[in-house]
Amino acid sequence: MMNAMKRFGHTPNYGWTALPFLLLLWMATASQYPAYILPQPWEVAAEGWRWVASGKLWTQLIASLLEEFAGFSAAVLVALVLGMAAGISAGFRSFITPLNGLFMAIPPIAWAPLTMIVFGLGYLSIIAVIFIAAVFPMALTIQNGVQAIRVGELRAARVLGASRWQLLVHVYFPASLPALTTALRVGFSQAWRALVAAEMIGASRGIGWMVSMGGQVGNASQVLLGISLIGMIAWLTESLIFRRIEQHYQSWRTT
């Protein structure tokens, strides 16, 4: 059967088995430890229900999502400008390339103490960490997309009398849309990781704060609840939004 499927170009999809496998592994491992060290999935679900019933879970989710939206949106706008400029201008590209390498080599969470000194504890310092984490990987991805534009497209537009502004609007930007959608995926994942890490250090609410406080009071169910929410939100956003956008524009680019 397997050979027949491969012969006709059909590859079996076992993705649906990943979550059940993880749950079975979790239950088997948790059975070897007391509940206060490694609780079972249903104990974590019960903890989640307590947070939902009290209304506290929505407070944490909304706080994290608002911080993510603010920092990520600012990073997208700046990365679009930097990436387009670096892709078009060789001079600006030579200037920003070392900065990209420098900032991408520094773990975003390393900026958290400095942002807390500058902005104080709270939203602004966390948003700053999110911005730093996302802007440079996105700018580099957009730059690579602009550089990949075919020379023939640019020559054709110039022959037709296109100005620099028209080249930017009608050639560079549309042709770099697939790279932009890829940049959004990369930037969101970086921003989400930075958000959680920053909340664990200097926040009074949010999913990262949930994980941190659960660890401090020895509540393993709360810790695993927070970790599960972090992974679930990232996976849903990646699968339902960014991956579909990227697939759409990748197929559009080939036409």
C-alpha atoms as a PDB file:
ATOM      1  CA  MET A   1       0.000   0.000   0.000  1.00  0.00           C
ATOM      2  CA  MET A   2       2.790   2.399   0.925  1.00  0.00           C
ATOM      3  CA  ASN A   3       4.634   1.678  -2.317  1.00  0.00           C
ATOM      4  CA  ALA A   4       1.466   2.225  -4.308  1.00  0.00           C
ATOM      5  CA  MET A   5       0.867   5.599  -2.649  1.00  0.00           C
ATOM      6  CA  LYS A   6       4.447   6.707  -3.327  1.00  0.00           C
ATOM      7  CA  ARG A   7       4.206   5.501  -6.932  1.00  0.00           C
ATOM      8  CA  PHE A   8       1.214   7.771  -7.548  1.00  0.00           C
ATOM      9  CA  GLY A   9       2.794  10.728  -5.765  1.00  0.00           C
ATOM     10  CA  HIS A  10       0.849  10.522  -2.501  1.00  0.00           C
ATOM     11  CA  THR A  11       2.856  10.921   0.675  1.00  0.00           C
ATOM     12  CA  PRO A  12       1.151   9.743   3.873  1.00  0.00           C
ATOM     13  CA  ASN A  13       0.377  12.553   6.317  1.00  0.00           C
ATOM     14  CA  TYR A  14       0.987  11.568   9.918  1.00  0.00           C
ATOM     15  CA  GLY A  15       0.798  15.088  11.310  1.00  0.00           C
ATOM     16  CA  TRP A  16      -2.467  14.309  13.095  1.00  0.00           C
ATOM     17  CA  THR A  17      -0.643  11.738  15.262  1.00  0.00           C
ATOM     18  CA  ALA A  18       1.813  14.255  16.735  1.00  0.00           C
ATOM     19  CA  LEU A  19      -0.467  15.657  19.461  1.00  0.00           C
ATOM     20  CA  PRO A  20      -1.802  12.263  20.651  1.00  0.00           C
ATOM     21  CA  PHE A  21       1.764  10.981  20.742  1.00  0.00           C
ATOM     22  CA  LEU A  22       2.856  13.964  22.822  1.00  0.00           C
ATOM     23  CA  LEU A  23      -0.040  13.489  25.242  1.00  0.00           C
ATOM     24  CA  LEU A  24       0.706   9.782  25.651  1.00  0.00           C
ATOM     25  CA  LEU A  25       4.367  10.553  26.267  1.00  0.00           C
ATOM     26  CA  TRP A  26       3.380  13.213  28.787  1.00  0.00           C
ATOM     27  CA  MET A  27       1.050  10.836  30.652  1.00  0.00           C
ATOM     28  CA  ALA A  28       3.602   8.034  30.690  1.00  0.00           C
ATOM     29  CA  THR A  29       6.331  10.338  32.006  1.00  0.00           C
ATOM     30  CA  ALA A  30       4.062  12.032  34.561  1.00  0.00           C
ATOM     31  CA  SER A  31       3.048   8.651  35.970  1.00  0.00           C
ATOM     32  CA  GLN A  32       6.625   8.282  37.228  1.00  0.00           C
ATOM     33  CA  TYR A  33       6.511  11.489  39.295  1.00  0.00           C
ATOM     34  CA  PRO A  34       4.302  13.019  41.997  1.00  0.00           C
ATOM     35  CA  ALA A  35       1.665  15.457  40.747  1.00  0.00           C
ATOM     36  CA  TYR A  36       3.365  18.433  42.385  1.00  0.00           C
ATOM     37  CA  ILE A  37       6.454  17.810  40.219  1.00  0.00           C
ATOM     38  CA  LEU A  38       4.898  16.736  36.912  1.00  0.00           C
ATOM     39  CA  PRO A  39       1.084  16.790  36.801  1.00  0.00           C
ATOM     40  CA  GLN A  40      -1.004  14.836  34.330  1.00  0.00           C
ATOM     41  CA  PRO A  41      -2.694  16.628  31.385  1.00  0.00           C
ATOM     42  CA  TRP A  42      -6.117  16.517  33.040  1.00  0.00           C
ATOM     43  CA  GLU A  43      -4.697  18.185  36.151  1.00  0.00           C
ATOM     44  CA  VAL A  44      -3.317  20.988  33.995  1.00  0.00           C
ATOM     45  CA  ALA A  45      -6.719  21.225  32.267  1.00  0.00           C
ATOM     46  CA  ALA A  46      -8.379  21.547  35.693  1.00  0.00           C
ATOM     47  CA  GLU A  47      -5.950  24.344  36.563  1.00  0.00           C
ATOM     48  CA  GLY A  48      -6.849  26.045  33.295  1.00  0.00           C
ATOM     49  CA  TRP A  49     -10.551  25.804  34.092  1.00  0.00           C
ATOM     50  CA  ARG A  50      -9.948  27.470  37.455  1.00  0.00           C
ATOM     51  CA  TRP A  51      -8.177  30.353  35.690  1.00  0.00           C
ATOM     52  CA  VAL A  52     -11.003  30.644  33.160  1.00  0.00           C
ATOM     53  CA  ALA A  53     -13.733  30.524  35.818  1.00  0.00           C
ATOM     54  CA  SER A  54     -12.040  33.256  37.833  1.00  0.00           C
ATOM     55  CA  GLY A  55     -11.604  35.453  34.740  1.00  0.00           C
ATOM     56  CA  LYS A  56      -7.871  35.765  35.338  1.00  0.00           C
ATOM     57  CA  LEU A  57      -6.852  33.828  32.248  1.00  0.00           C
ATOM     58  CA  TRP A  58      -8.389  36.364  29.852  1.00  0.00           C
ATOM     59  CA  THR A  59      -6.557  39.160  31.633  1.00  0.00           C
ATOM     60  CA  GLN A  60      -3.225  37.440  31.044  1.00  0.00           C
ATOM     61  CA  LEU A  61      -4.014  36.569  27.423  1.00  0.00           C
ATOM     62  CA  ILE A  62      -5.185  40.065  26.532  1.00  0.00           C
ATOM     63  CA  ALA A  63      -2.141  41.658  28.175  1.00  0.00           C
ATOM     64  CA  SER A  64       0.264  39.438  26.229  1.00  0.00           C
ATOM     65  CA  LEU A  65      -1.565  39.830  22.913  1.00  0.00           C
ATOM     66  CA  LEU A  66      -1.685  43.623  23.216  1.00  0.00           C
ATOM     67  CA  GLU A  67       2.048  43.779  23.921  1.00  0.00           C
ATOM     68  CA  GLU A  68       2.758  41.437  21.031  1.00  0.00           C
ATOM     69  CA  PHE A  69       0.594  43.441  18.640  1.00  0.00           C
ATOM     70  CA  ALA A  70       2.196  46.765  19.580  1.00  0.00           C
ATOM     71  CA  GLY A  71       5.805  45.593  19.389  1.00  0.00           C
ATOM     72  CA  PHE A  72       5.314  43.424  16.306  1.00  0.00           C
ATOM     73  CA  SER A  73       3.405  46.114  14.374  1.00  0.00           C
ATOM     74  CA  ALA A  74       6.130  48.679  15.004  1.00  0.00           C
ATOM     75  CA  ALA A  75       8.776  46.152  13.961  1.00  0.00           C
ATOM     76  CA  VAL A  76       6.923  45.366  10.699  1.00  0.00           C
ATOM     77  CA  LEU A  77       6.765  49.044   9.692  1.00  0.00           C
ATOM     78  CA  VAL A  78      10.438  49.710  10.421  1.00  0.00           C
ATOM     79  CA  ALA A  79      11.601  46.406   8.905  1.00  0.00           C
ATOM     80  CA  LEU A  80       9.689  47.143   5.701  1.00  0.00           C
ATOM     81  CA  VAL A  81      11.491  50.468   5.288  1.00  0.00           C
ATOM     82  CA  LEU A  82      14.920  49.077   6.201  1.00  0.00           C
ATOM     83  CA  GLY A  83      14.532  45.925   4.104  1.00  0.00           C
ATOM     84  CA  MET A  84      13.296  47.733   1.003  1.00  0.00           C
ATOM     85  CA  ALA A  85      16.015  50.381   1.290  1.00  0.00           C
ATOM     86  CA  ALA A  86      18.758  47.777   1.779  1.00  0.00           C
ATOM     87  CA  GLY A  87      17.478  45.722  -1.141  1.00  0.00           C
ATOM     88  CA  ILE A  88      17.376  48.700  -3.508  1.00  0.00           C
ATOM     89  CA  SER A  89      20.451  50.675  -2.411  1.00  0.00           C
ATOM     90  CA  ALA A  90      23.850  48.965  -2.363  1.00  0.00           C
ATOM     91  CA  GLY A  91      25.259  51.812  -0.279  1.00  0.00           C
ATOM     92  CA  PHE A  92      22.621  51.509   2.440  1.00  0.00           C
ATOM     93  CA  ARG A  93      22.963  47.715   2.301  1.00  0.00           C
ATOM     94  CA  SER A  94      26.681  47.932   3.050  1.00  0.00           C
ATOM     95  CA  PHE A  95      25.859  50.196   6.002  1.00  0.00           C
ATOM     96  CA  ILE A  96      23.117  48.090   7.577  1.00  0.00           C
ATOM     97  CA  THR A  97      24.574  44.612   6.996  1.00  0.00           C
ATOM     98  CA  PRO A  98      27.002  44.801   9.968  1.00  0.00           C
ATOM     99  CA  LEU A  99      24.195  46.143  12.170  1.00  0.00           C
ATOM    100  CA  ASN A 100      21.945  43.246  11.161  1.00  0.00           C
ATOM    101  CA  GLY A 101      24.667  40.774  12.052  1.00  0.00           C
ATOM    102  CA  LEU A 102      25.376  42.479  15.368  1.00  0.00           C
ATOM    103  CA  PHE A 103      21.790  42.773  16.588  1.00  0.00           C
ATOM    104  CA  MET A 104      20.771  39.305  15.392  1.00  0.00           C
ATOM    105  CA  ALA A 105      23.697  37.774  17.272  1.00  0.00           C
ATOM    106  CA  ILE A 106      22.514  39.257  20.588  1.00  0.00           C
ATOM    107  CA  PRO A 107      19.700  37.300  22.307  1.00  0.00           C
ATOM    108  CA  PRO A 108      16.697  39.664  22.532  1.00  0.00           C
ATOM    109  CA  ILE A 109      16.209  38.945  26.230  1.00  0.00           C
ATOM    110  CA  ALA A 110      19.658  40.428  26.866  1.00  0.00           C
ATOM    111  CA  TRP A 111      18.097  43.824  26.141  1.00  0.00           C
ATOM    112  CA  ALA A 112      15.436  43.421  28.844  1.00  0.00           C
ATOM    113  CA  PRO A 113      17.490  44.839  31.755  1.00  0.00           C
ATOM    114  CA  LEU A 114      18.415  47.903  29.682  1.00  0.00           C
ATOM    115  CA  THR A 115      14.866  48.525  28.486  1.00  0.00           C
ATOM    116  CA  MET A 116      13.645  48.259  32.068  1.00  0.00           C
ATOM    117  CA  ILE A 117      16.203  50.852  33.145  1.00  0.00           C
ATOM    118  CA  VAL A 118      15.176  53.187  30.322  1.00  0.00           C
ATOM    119  CA  PHE A 119      11.392  52.649  30.294  1.00  0.00           C
ATOM    120  CA  GLY A 120      10.799  51.156  33.740  1.00  0.00           C
ATOM    121  CA  LEU A 121       8.844  47.999  34.507  1.00  0.00           C
ATOM    122  CA  GLY A 122       5.748  47.525  32.401  1.00  0.00           C
ATOM    123  CA  TYR A 123       4.481  47.570  28.838  1.00  0.00           C
ATOM    124  CA  LEU A 124       7.011  49.890  27.203  1.00  0.00           C
ATOM    125  CA  SER A 125      10.051  47.863  28.208  1.00  0.00           C
ATOM    126  CA  ILE A 126       8.436  44.623  26.989  1.00  0.00           C
ATOM    127  CA  ILE A 127       7.341  46.221  23.707  1.00  0.00           C
ATOM    128  CA  ALA A 128      10.900  47.467  23.173  1.00  0.00           C
ATOM    129  CA  VAL A 129      12.284  43.940  23.603  1.00  0.00           C
ATOM    130  CA  ILE A 130       9.694  42.575  21.151  1.00  0.00           C
ATOM    131  CA  PHE A 131      10.606  45.275  18.628  1.00  0.00           C
ATOM    132  CA  ILE A 132      14.334  44.556  18.822  1.00  0.00           C
ATOM    133  CA  ALA A 133      13.748  40.806  18.516  1.00  0.00           C
ATOM    134  CA  ALA A 134      11.603  41.046  15.380  1.00  0.00           C
ATOM    135  CA  VAL A 135      12.801  44.013  13.334  1.00  0.00           C
ATOM    136  CA  PHE A 136      16.219  42.828  12.130  1.00  0.00           C
ATOM    137  CA  PRO A 137      15.299  39.264  11.047  1.00  0.00           C
ATOM    138  CA  MET A 138      12.334  40.689   9.127  1.00  0.00           C
ATOM    139  CA  ALA A 139      14.414  43.446   7.527  1.00  0.00           C
ATOM    140  CA  LEU A 140      16.984  40.906   6.335  1.00  0.00           C
ATOM    141  CA  THR A 141      14.305  38.624   4.873  1.00  0.00           C
ATOM    142  CA  ILE A 142      12.668  41.524   3.023  1.00  0.00           C
ATOM    143  CA  GLN A 143      16.067  42.681   1.760  1.00  0.00           C
ATOM    144  CA  ASN A 144      16.775  39.240   0.307  1.00  0.00           C
ATOM    145  CA  GLY A 145      13.379  39.236  -1.371  1.00  0.00           C
ATOM    146  CA  VAL A 146      13.973  42.623  -3.001  1.00  0.00           C
ATOM    147  CA  GLN A 147      17.406  41.540  -4.225  1.00  0.00           C
ATOM    148  CA  ALA A 148      15.831  38.461  -5.825  1.00  0.00           C
ATOM    149  CA  ILE A 149      13.660  40.558  -8.161  1.00  0.00           C
ATOM    150  CA  ARG A 150      14.457  39.742 -11.785  1.00  0.00           C
ATOM    151  CA  VAL A 151      16.503  42.352 -13.608  1.00  0.00           C
ATOM    152  CA  GLY A 152      14.223  42.039 -16.623  1.00  0.00           C
ATOM    153  CA  GLU A 153      11.257  43.358 -14.635  1.00  0.00           C
ATOM    154  CA  LEU A 154      13.189  46.464 -13.622  1.00  0.00           C
ATOM    155  CA  ARG A 155      14.459  47.089 -17.154  1.00  0.00           C
ATOM    156  CA  ALA A 156      10.987  46.731 -18.611  1.00  0.00           C
ATOM    157  CA  ALA A 157       9.582  49.243 -16.139  1.00  0.00           C
ATOM    158  CA  ARG A 158      12.386  51.720 -16.819  1.00  0.00           C
ATOM    159  CA  VAL A 159      11.907  51.402 -20.585  1.00  0.00           C
ATOM    160  CA  LEU A 160       8.250  52.263 -20.071  1.00  0.00           C
ATOM    161  CA  GLY A 161       9.344  55.427 -18.264  1.00  0.00           C
ATOM    162  CA  ALA A 162       8.664  54.433 -14.655  1.00  0.00           C
ATOM    163  CA  SER A 163       9.951  56.859 -12.037  1.00  0.00           C
ATOM    164  CA  ARG A 164      11.734  55.721  -8.860  1.00  0.00           C
ATOM    165  CA  TRP A 165       8.489  56.028  -6.918  1.00  0.00           C
ATOM    166  CA  GLN A 166       6.611  54.011  -9.535  1.00  0.00           C
ATOM    167  CA  LEU A 167       9.331  51.350  -9.482  1.00  0.00           C
ATOM    168  CA  LEU A 168       8.967  51.117  -5.710  1.00  0.00           C
ATOM    169  CA  VAL A 169       5.164  50.912  -5.748  1.00  0.00           C
ATOM    170  CA  HIS A 170       4.581  48.832  -8.881  1.00  0.00           C
ATOM    171  CA  VAL A 171       7.684  46.630  -9.098  1.00  0.00           C
ATOM    172  CA  TYR A 172       9.700  46.350  -5.892  1.00  0.00           C
ATOM    173  CA  PHE A 173       6.825  46.103  -3.424  1.00  0.00           C
ATOM    174  CA  PRO A 174       4.574  43.632  -5.337  1.00  0.00           C
ATOM    175  CA  ALA A 175       7.510  41.404  -6.295  1.00  0.00           C
ATOM    176  CA  SER A 176       8.767  41.297  -2.699  1.00  0.00           C
ATOM    177  CA  LEU A 177       5.389  40.301  -1.197  1.00  0.00           C
ATOM    178  CA  PRO A 178       6.355  36.610  -0.875  1.00  0.00           C
ATOM    179  CA  ALA A 179       9.469  37.633   1.064  1.00  0.00           C
ATOM    180  CA  LEU A 180       7.366  39.979   3.184  1.00  0.00           C
ATOM    181  CA  THR A 181       4.977  37.187   4.151  1.00  0.00           C
ATOM    182  CA  THR A 182       7.933  34.979   5.051  1.00  0.00           C
ATOM    183  CA  ALA A 183       9.337  37.851   7.091  1.00  0.00           C
ATOM    184  CA  LEU A 184       6.056  38.091   9.004  1.00  0.00           C
ATOM    185  CA  ARG A 185       6.280  34.425   9.987  1.00  0.00           C
ATOM    186  CA  VAL A 186       9.894  34.783  11.090  1.00  0.00           C
ATOM    187  CA  GLY A 187       9.285  38.041  12.917  1.00  0.00           C
ATOM    188  CA  PHE A 188       6.200  36.837  14.759  1.00  0.00           C
ATOM    189  CA  SER A 189       7.956  33.757  16.114  1.00  0.00           C
ATOM    190  CA  GLN A 190      10.902  35.842  17.282  1.00  0.00           C
ATOM    191  CA  ALA A 191       8.612  38.458  18.810  1.00  0.00           C
ATOM    192  CA  TRP A 192       6.489  35.860  20.615  1.00  0.00           C
ATOM    193  CA  ARG A 193       9.535  34.217  22.205  1.00  0.00           C
ATOM    194  CA  ALA A 194      10.892  37.598  23.274  1.00  0.00           C
ATOM    195  CA  LEU A 195       7.516  38.604  24.733  1.00  0.00           C
ATOM    196  CA  VAL A 196       7.277  35.539  26.950  1.00  0.00           C
ATOM    197  CA  ALA A 197      10.869  35.828  28.122  1.00  0.00           C
ATOM    198  CA  ALA A 198      10.503  39.547  28.900  1.00  0.00           C
ATOM    199  CA  GLU A 199       7.267  38.949  30.826  1.00  0.00           C
ATOM    200  CA  MET A 200       9.003  36.343  32.956  1.00  0.00           C
ATOM    201  CA  ILE A 201      11.535  38.964  34.016  1.00  0.00           C
ATOM    202  CA  GLY A 202       9.730  42.266  34.353  1.00  0.00           C
ATOM    203  CA  ALA A 203       5.936  42.022  34.113  1.00  0.00           C
ATOM    204  CA  SER A 204       3.048  41.886  36.530  1.00  0.00           C
ATOM    205  CA  ARG A 205       0.719  40.116  34.101  1.00  0.00           C
ATOM    206  CA  GLY A 206       0.797  38.074  30.919  1.00  0.00           C
ATOM    207  CA  ILE A 207       1.440  34.449  30.006  1.00  0.00           C
ATOM    208  CA  GLY A 208       5.155  34.688  30.753  1.00  0.00           C
ATOM    209  CA  TRP A 209       4.293  36.117  34.166  1.00  0.00           C
ATOM    210  CA  MET A 210       1.976  33.107  34.730  1.00  0.00           C
ATOM    211  CA  VAL A 211       4.839  30.716  34.084  1.00  0.00           C
ATOM    212  CA  SER A 212       7.257  32.670  36.261  1.00  0.00           C
ATOM    213  CA  MET A 213       4.853  32.992  39.203  1.00  0.00           C
ATOM    214  CA  GLY A 214       3.898  29.336  38.957  1.00  0.00           C
ATOM    215  CA  GLY A 215       7.557  28.392  39.249  1.00  0.00           C
ATOM    216  CA  GLN A 216       8.096  30.697  42.224  1.00  0.00           C
ATOM    217  CA  VAL A 217       5.201  29.230  44.223  1.00  0.00           C
ATOM    218  CA  GLY A 218       5.890  25.651  43.111  1.00  0.00           C
ATOM    219  CA  ASN A 219       2.664  25.262  41.115  1.00  0.00           C
ATOM    220  CA  ALA A 220       3.704  22.918  38.295  1.00  0.00           C
ATOM    221  CA  SER A 221       0.171  22.845  36.853  1.00  0.00           C
ATOM    222  CA  GLN A 222       0.232  26.622  36.390  1.00  0.00           C
ATOM    223  CA  VAL A 223       3.672  26.426  34.779  1.00  0.00           C
ATOM    224  CA  LEU A 224       2.558  23.770  32.299  1.00  0.00           C
ATOM    225  CA  LEU A 225      -0.684  25.648  31.639  1.00  0.00           C
ATOM    226  CA  GLY A 226       1.291  28.725  30.657  1.00  0.00           C
ATOM    227  CA  ILE A 227       3.697  26.705  28.515  1.00  0.00           C
ATOM    228  CA  SER A 228       0.765  25.005  26.759  1.00  0.00           C
ATOM    229  CA  LEU A 229      -0.874  28.355  26.029  1.00  0.00           C
ATOM    230  CA  ILE A 230       2.387  29.755  24.639  1.00  0.00           C
ATOM    231  CA  GLY A 231       2.765  26.853  22.244  1.00  0.00           C
ATOM    232  CA  MET A 232      -0.915  26.729  21.275  1.00  0.00           C
ATOM    233  CA  ILE A 233      -1.173  30.435  20.427  1.00  0.00           C
ATOM    234  CA  ALA A 234       2.054  30.342  18.411  1.00  0.00           C
ATOM    235  CA  TRP A 235       0.944  27.232  16.514  1.00  0.00           C
ATOM    236  CA  LEU A 236      -2.530  28.588  15.741  1.00  0.00           C
ATOM    237  CA  THR A 237      -1.181  31.924  14.546  1.00  0.00           C
ATOM    238  CA  GLU A 238       1.453  30.245  12.400  1.00  0.00           C
ATOM    239  CA  SER A 239      -0.925  27.672  10.865  1.00  0.00           C
ATOM    240  CA  LEU A 240      -4.113  29.690  10.430  1.00  0.00           C
ATOM    241  CA  ILE A 241      -2.714  33.098   9.476  1.00  0.00           C
ATOM    242  CA  PHE A 242       0.905  33.434   8.394  1.00  0.00           C
ATOM    243  CA  ARG A 243       1.369  30.094   6.639  1.00  0.00           C
ATOM    244  CA  ARG A 244      -1.768  30.577   4.565  1.00  0.00           C
ATOM    245  CA  ILE A 245      -0.762  34.115   3.609  1.00  0.00           C
ATOM    246  CA  GLU A 246       2.697  32.906   2.620  1.00  0.00           C
ATOM    247  CA  GLN A 247       1.330  30.033   0.524  1.00  0.00           C
ATOM    248  CA  HIS A 248      -1.027  32.409  -1.264  1.00  0.00           C
ATOM    249  CA  TYR A 249       1.700  34.842  -2.275  1.00  0.00           C
ATOM    250  CA  GLN A 250       4.230  32.141  -3.105  1.00  0.00           C
ATOM    251  CA  SER A 251       1.820  30.691  -5.661  1.00  0.00           C
ATOM    252  CA  TRP A 252       0.959  34.209  -6.860  1.00  0.00           C
ATOM    253  CA  ARG A 253       4.645  35.057  -7.345  1.00  0.00           C
ATOM    254  CA  THR A 254       5.224  32.113  -9.680  1.00  0.00           C
ATOM    255  CA  THR A 255       2.558  33.456 -12.039  1.00  0.00           C
END
